[in-house]
C-alpha atoms as a PDB file:
ATOM      1  CA  MET A   1     104.436  80.306 111.918  1.00  0.00           C
ATOM      2  CA  ALA A   2     103.354  83.535 110.078  1.00  0.00           C
ATOM      3  CA  HIS A   3      99.573  84.191 109.363  1.00  0.00           C
ATOM      4  CA  ARG A   4      98.397  84.852 106.276  1.00  0.00           C
ATOM      5  CA  TYR A   5      96.015  87.294 105.018  1.00  0.00           C
ATOM      6  CA  TRP A   6      92.642  87.258 102.596  1.00  0.00           C
ATOM      7  CA  LEU A   7      89.887  89.310 101.215  1.00  0.00           C
ATOM      8  CA  MET A   8      86.622  87.717 101.711  1.00  0.00           C
ATOM      9  CA  LYS A   9      83.680  89.714 100.052  1.00  0.00           C
ATOM     10  CA  SER A  10      79.846  89.789 101.166  1.00  0.00           C
ATOM     11  CA  GLU A  11      77.389  91.769  99.620  1.00  0.00           C
ATOM     12  CA  PRO A  12      75.966  93.855 102.684  1.00  0.00           C
ATOM     13  CA  SER A  13      72.278  93.261 101.229  1.00  0.00           C
ATOM     14  CA  ALA A  14      73.086  89.477 102.052  1.00  0.00           C
ATOM     15  CA  PHE A  15      75.795  90.088 105.248  1.00  0.00           C
ATOM     16  CA  SER A  16      77.348  93.336 105.926  1.00  0.00           C
ATOM     17  CA  ILE A  17      80.205  93.880 108.128  1.00  0.00           C
ATOM     18  CA  GLN A  18      77.609  95.462 110.590  1.00  0.00           C
ATOM     19  CA  ASP A  19      76.012  92.081 110.767  1.00  0.00           C
ATOM     20  CA  LEU A  20      78.869  90.049 111.981  1.00  0.00           C
ATOM     21  CA  ARG A  21      79.219  92.900 114.837  1.00  0.00           C
ATOM     22  CA  LYS A  22      75.625  92.202 115.962  1.00  0.00           C
ATOM     23  CA  VAL A  23      75.869  88.009 115.957  1.00  0.00           C
ATOM     24  CA  ARG A  24      76.674  86.247 119.076  1.00  0.00           C
ATOM     25  CA  ASN A  25      80.170  86.821 119.786  1.00  0.00           C
ATOM     26  CA  GLN A  26      80.908  88.797 116.300  1.00  0.00           C
ATOM     27  CA  THR A  27      81.546  85.206 115.274  1.00  0.00           C
ATOM     28  CA  THR A  28      79.946  83.599 111.741  1.00  0.00           C
ATOM     29  CA  SER A  29      80.491  80.797 109.571  1.00  0.00           C
ATOM     30  CA  TRP A  30      81.168  81.535 106.031  1.00  0.00           C
ATOM     31  CA  ASP A  31      79.118  79.313 104.067  1.00  0.00           C
ATOM     32  CA  GLY A  32      77.965  79.583 100.527  1.00  0.00           C
ATOM     33  CA  VAL A  33      81.240  79.819  98.618  1.00  0.00           C
ATOM     34  CA  ARG A  34      80.546  77.630  95.396  1.00  0.00           C
ATOM     35  CA  ASN A  35      83.474  78.508  93.572  1.00  0.00           C
ATOM     36  CA  PHE A  36      86.307  75.762  93.569  1.00  0.00           C
ATOM     37  CA  GLN A  37      89.206  78.119  93.638  1.00  0.00           C
ATOM     38  CA  ALA A  38      87.714  80.204  96.505  1.00  0.00           C
ATOM     39  CA  ARG A  39      86.768  77.143  98.370  1.00  0.00           C
ATOM     40  CA  ASN A  40      90.314  75.831  97.877  1.00  0.00           C
ATOM     41  CA  PHE A  41      91.961  78.993  99.591  1.00  0.00           C
ATOM     42  CA  MET A  42      89.441  78.408 102.485  1.00  0.00           C
ATOM     43  CA  ARG A  43      90.776  75.191 102.856  1.00  0.00           C
ATOM     44  CA  THR A  44      94.655  76.603 103.560  1.00  0.00           C
ATOM     45  CA  MET A  45      93.467  79.001 105.983  1.00  0.00           C
ATOM     46  CA  LYS A  46      94.324  78.454 109.497  1.00  0.00           C
ATOM     47  CA  LYS A  47      93.610  79.585 112.519  1.00  0.00           C
ATOM     48  CA  GLY A  48      94.473  83.328 113.214  1.00  0.00           C
ATOM     49  CA  ASP A  49      94.804  84.620 109.825  1.00  0.00           C
ATOM     50  CA  ARG A  50      93.699  87.644 109.004  1.00  0.00           C
ATOM     51  CA  VAL A  51      90.709  88.714 106.869  1.00  0.00           C
ATOM     52  CA  LEU A  52      89.864  92.170 105.253  1.00  0.00           C
ATOM     53  CA  PHE A  53      85.970  92.092 104.931  1.00  0.00           C
ATOM     54  CA  TYR A  54      84.946  93.467 101.309  1.00  0.00           C
ATOM     55  CA  HIS A  55      81.653  94.723 100.715  1.00  0.00           C
ATOM     56  CA  SER A  56      80.713  93.996  96.870  1.00  0.00           C
ATOM     57  CA  ASN A  57      77.851  94.752  94.772  1.00  0.00           C
ATOM     58  CA  ALA A  58      77.647  98.192  97.156  1.00  0.00           C
ATOM     59  CA  GLU A  59      77.752 101.827  96.315  1.00  0.00           C
ATOM     60  CA  PRO A  60      80.738 102.110  96.630  1.00  0.00           C
ATOM     61  CA  PRO A  61      82.379  98.829  97.171  1.00  0.00           C
ATOM     62  CA  ALA A  62      84.964  99.136  99.766  1.00  0.00           C
ATOM     63  CA  VAL A  63      87.084  97.171 102.120  1.00  0.00           C
ATOM     64  CA  MET A  64      84.814  97.531 105.232  1.00  0.00           C
ATOM     65  CA  GLY A  65      87.319  96.119 107.968  1.00  0.00           C
ATOM     66  CA  VAL A  66      89.167  93.283 109.678  1.00  0.00           C
ATOM     67  CA  ALA A  67      88.320  89.747 110.900  1.00  0.00           C
ATOM     68  CA  GLU A  68      90.177  86.641 111.547  1.00  0.00           C
ATOM     69  CA  VAL A  69      89.614  83.288 111.187  1.00  0.00           C
ATOM     70  CA  VAL A  70      88.989  81.284 114.303  1.00  0.00           C
ATOM     71  CA  THR A  71      87.669  77.924 112.894  1.00  0.00           C
ATOM     72  CA  GLU A  72      89.501  75.937 109.730  1.00  0.00           C
ATOM     73  CA  ALA A  73      87.531  74.750 106.755  1.00  0.00           C
ATOM     74  CA  TYR A  74      84.730  72.415 107.858  1.00  0.00           C
ATOM     75  CA  PRO A  75      82.234  70.851 105.600  1.00  0.00           C
ATOM     76  CA  ASP A  76      79.514  73.556 104.352  1.00  0.00           C
ATOM     77  CA  ASP A  77      76.311  72.093 105.600  1.00  0.00           C
ATOM     78  CA  SER A  78      74.272  74.399 103.769  1.00  0.00           C
ATOM     79  CA  ALA A  79      75.061  72.381 100.772  1.00  0.00           C
ATOM     80  CA  PHE A  80      72.830  69.296 101.959  1.00  0.00           C
ATOM     81  CA  ASN A  81      69.858  71.437 102.407  1.00  0.00           C
ATOM     82  CA  PRO A  82      67.254  71.235  99.791  1.00  0.00           C
ATOM     83  CA  LYS A  83      65.791  74.151 101.455  1.00  0.00           C
ATOM     84  CA  ASP A  84      68.823  76.239 101.283  1.00  0.00           C
ATOM     85  CA  ILE A  85      69.758  78.729  98.313  1.00  0.00           C
ATOM     86  CA  HIS A  86      73.216  77.245  98.666  1.00  0.00           C
ATOM     87  CA  TYR A  87      71.891  73.481  98.093  1.00  0.00           C
ATOM     88  CA  ASP A  88      73.892  71.503  95.902  1.00  0.00           C
ATOM     89  CA  PRO A  89      72.748  67.686  95.329  1.00  0.00           C
ATOM     90  CA  ARG A  90      76.521  66.621  94.223  1.00  0.00           C
ATOM     91  CA  SER A  91      77.459  67.383  97.955  1.00  0.00           C
ATOM     92  CA  THR A  92      77.128  64.960 100.766  1.00  0.00           C
ATOM     93  CA  PRO A  93      78.080  64.620 104.172  1.00  0.00           C
ATOM     94  CA  ALA A  94      79.992  61.970 103.245  1.00  0.00           C
ATOM     95  CA  ARG A  95      81.801  63.584 100.511  1.00  0.00           C
ATOM     96  CA  SER A  96      81.505  67.247 101.002  1.00  0.00           C
ATOM     97  CA  LEU A  97      82.353  69.289  97.933  1.00  0.00           C
ATOM     98  CA  TRP A  98      82.093  72.635  99.815  1.00  0.00           C
ATOM     99  CA  ASP A  99      83.500  73.863 102.858  1.00  0.00           C
ATOM    100  CA  MET A 100      83.512  77.057 105.262  1.00  0.00           C
ATOM    101  CA  VAL A 101      85.450  78.683 107.739  1.00  0.00           C
ATOM    102  CA  ASP A 102      84.229  80.920 111.006  1.00  0.00           C
ATOM    103  CA  ILE A 103      85.414  84.145 111.395  1.00  0.00           C
ATOM    104  CA  LYS A 104      85.264  86.504 114.324  1.00  0.00           C
ATOM    105  CA  LEU A 105      85.049  90.527 114.008  1.00  0.00           C
ATOM    106  CA  VAL A 106      88.435  92.209 115.049  1.00  0.00           C
ATOM    107  CA  ARG A 107      87.474  95.963 114.010  1.00  0.00           C
ATOM    108  CA  ILE A 108      85.491  97.970 111.599  1.00  0.00           C
ATOM    109  CA  PHE A 109      87.532 101.035 109.969  1.00  0.00           C
ATOM    110  CA  PRO A 110      86.806 104.624 110.682  1.00  0.00           C
ATOM    111  CA  ALA A 111      85.828 105.035 107.001  1.00  0.00           C
ATOM    112  CA  PRO A 112      85.473 102.285 104.534  1.00  0.00           C
ATOM    113  CA  ILE A 113      87.878 102.281 101.667  1.00  0.00           C
ATOM    114  CA  PRO A 114      86.516 102.020  98.753  1.00  0.00           C
ATOM    115  CA  LEU A 115      87.565 100.062  95.346  1.00  0.00           C
ATOM    116  CA  ASP A 116      88.617 103.551  93.622  1.00  0.00           C
ATOM    117  CA  ARG A 117      90.979 104.407  96.212  1.00  0.00           C
ATOM    118  CA  LEU A 118      92.574 101.108  96.477  1.00  0.00           C
ATOM    119  CA  ARG A 119      93.226 101.502  92.345  1.00  0.00           C
ATOM    120  CA  GLN A 120      95.143 105.062  93.317  1.00  0.00           C
ATOM    121  CA  GLU A 121      97.516 103.161  95.402  1.00  0.00           C
ATOM    122  CA  PRO A 122     100.625 101.885  93.179  1.00  0.00           C
ATOM    123  CA  GLY A 123     101.790  99.079  95.857  1.00  0.00           C
ATOM    124  CA  LEU A 124      98.270  97.412  95.185  1.00  0.00           C
ATOM    125  CA  LYS A 125      98.477  97.191  91.262  1.00  0.00           C
ATOM    126  CA  ARG A 126      99.223  93.311  91.436  1.00  0.00           C
ATOM    127  CA  MET A 127      96.444  92.696  94.417  1.00  0.00           C
ATOM    128  CA  GLU A 128      94.009  89.906  93.226  1.00  0.00           C
ATOM    129  CA  LEU A 129      90.714  92.451  93.844  1.00  0.00           C
ATOM    130  CA  LEU A 130      92.213  94.840  91.410  1.00  0.00           C
ATOM    131  CA  ARG A 131      93.080  92.488  88.656  1.00  0.00           C
ATOM    132  CA  LYS A 132      90.977  92.752  85.529  1.00  0.00           C
ATOM    133  CA  GLY A 133      87.957  89.816  85.368  1.00  0.00           C
ATOM    134  CA  SER A 134      88.573  88.737  89.118  1.00  0.00           C
ATOM    135  CA  ARG A 135      85.870  87.632  90.783  1.00  0.00           C
ATOM    136  CA  LEU A 136      86.974  85.569  93.249  1.00  0.00           C
ATOM    137  CA  SER A 137      84.625  85.966  96.779  1.00  0.00           C
ATOM    138  CA  VAL A 138      87.940  84.342  98.661  1.00  0.00           C
ATOM    139  CA  GLN A 139      91.150  85.443  97.510  1.00  0.00           C
ATOM    140  CA  PRO A 140      94.675  85.591  99.119  1.00  0.00           C
ATOM    141  CA  VAL A 141      96.208  89.035 100.123  1.00  0.00           C
ATOM    142  CA  ARG A 142      99.861  89.374 100.159  1.00  0.00           C
ATOM    143  CA  PRO A 143     101.366  90.952 103.304  1.00  0.00           C
ATOM    144  CA  GLU A 144     102.628  93.915 101.603  1.00  0.00           C
ATOM    145  CA  GLU A 145      99.021  94.792 100.373  1.00  0.00           C
ATOM    146  CA  TRP A 146      97.558  94.367 103.994  1.00  0.00           C
ATOM    147  CA  LYS A 147     100.195  96.534 105.406  1.00  0.00           C
ATOM    148  CA  ILE A 148      99.287  99.522 102.699  1.00  0.00           C
ATOM    149  CA  VAL A 149      95.424  98.698 103.309  1.00  0.00           C
ATOM    150  CA  LEU A 150      95.615  98.994 106.926  1.00  0.00           C
ATOM    151  CA  LYS A 151      97.619 102.035 106.410  1.00  0.00           C
ATOM    152  CA  LEU A 152      94.787 103.373 104.387  1.00  0.00           C
ATOM    153  CA  ALA A 153      92.666 102.725 107.077  1.00  0.00           C
ATOM    154  CA  GLY A 154      94.665 104.896 109.500  1.00  0.00           C
ATOM    155  CA  SER A 155      96.248 101.965 111.541  1.00  0.00           C
END
């Protein structure tokens, strides 16, 4: 089965691709997603799927590198902890509303690919990231878009 491609946004002040490089085994859980459409995308992710790691709310916002899904969706336990900023009292261990996946760093690009540069690529006109009003923190990437972004990254 062919792998699918995704883009996951993170504010670098909260968790950057450099933070991912520093954690044990360069692997982390992608928790705290509180949008049902983004959660549903995570629920369809399979081990081996590839992810563009995107720094949002950054100057400039940019694709920073590639990660890989290493654990498929499972309950996001940050939703059960009243002391966690992602706490959701509607979600319980018996009926979890929210899921997370684990990702592992594949590589950091030699140079970030800024959002403005992505907008200049004719082949990326339909990319979800570039759609007006799109704010999803987890979103699909078409195979042809994946190839263009990797080409821009110099690979």
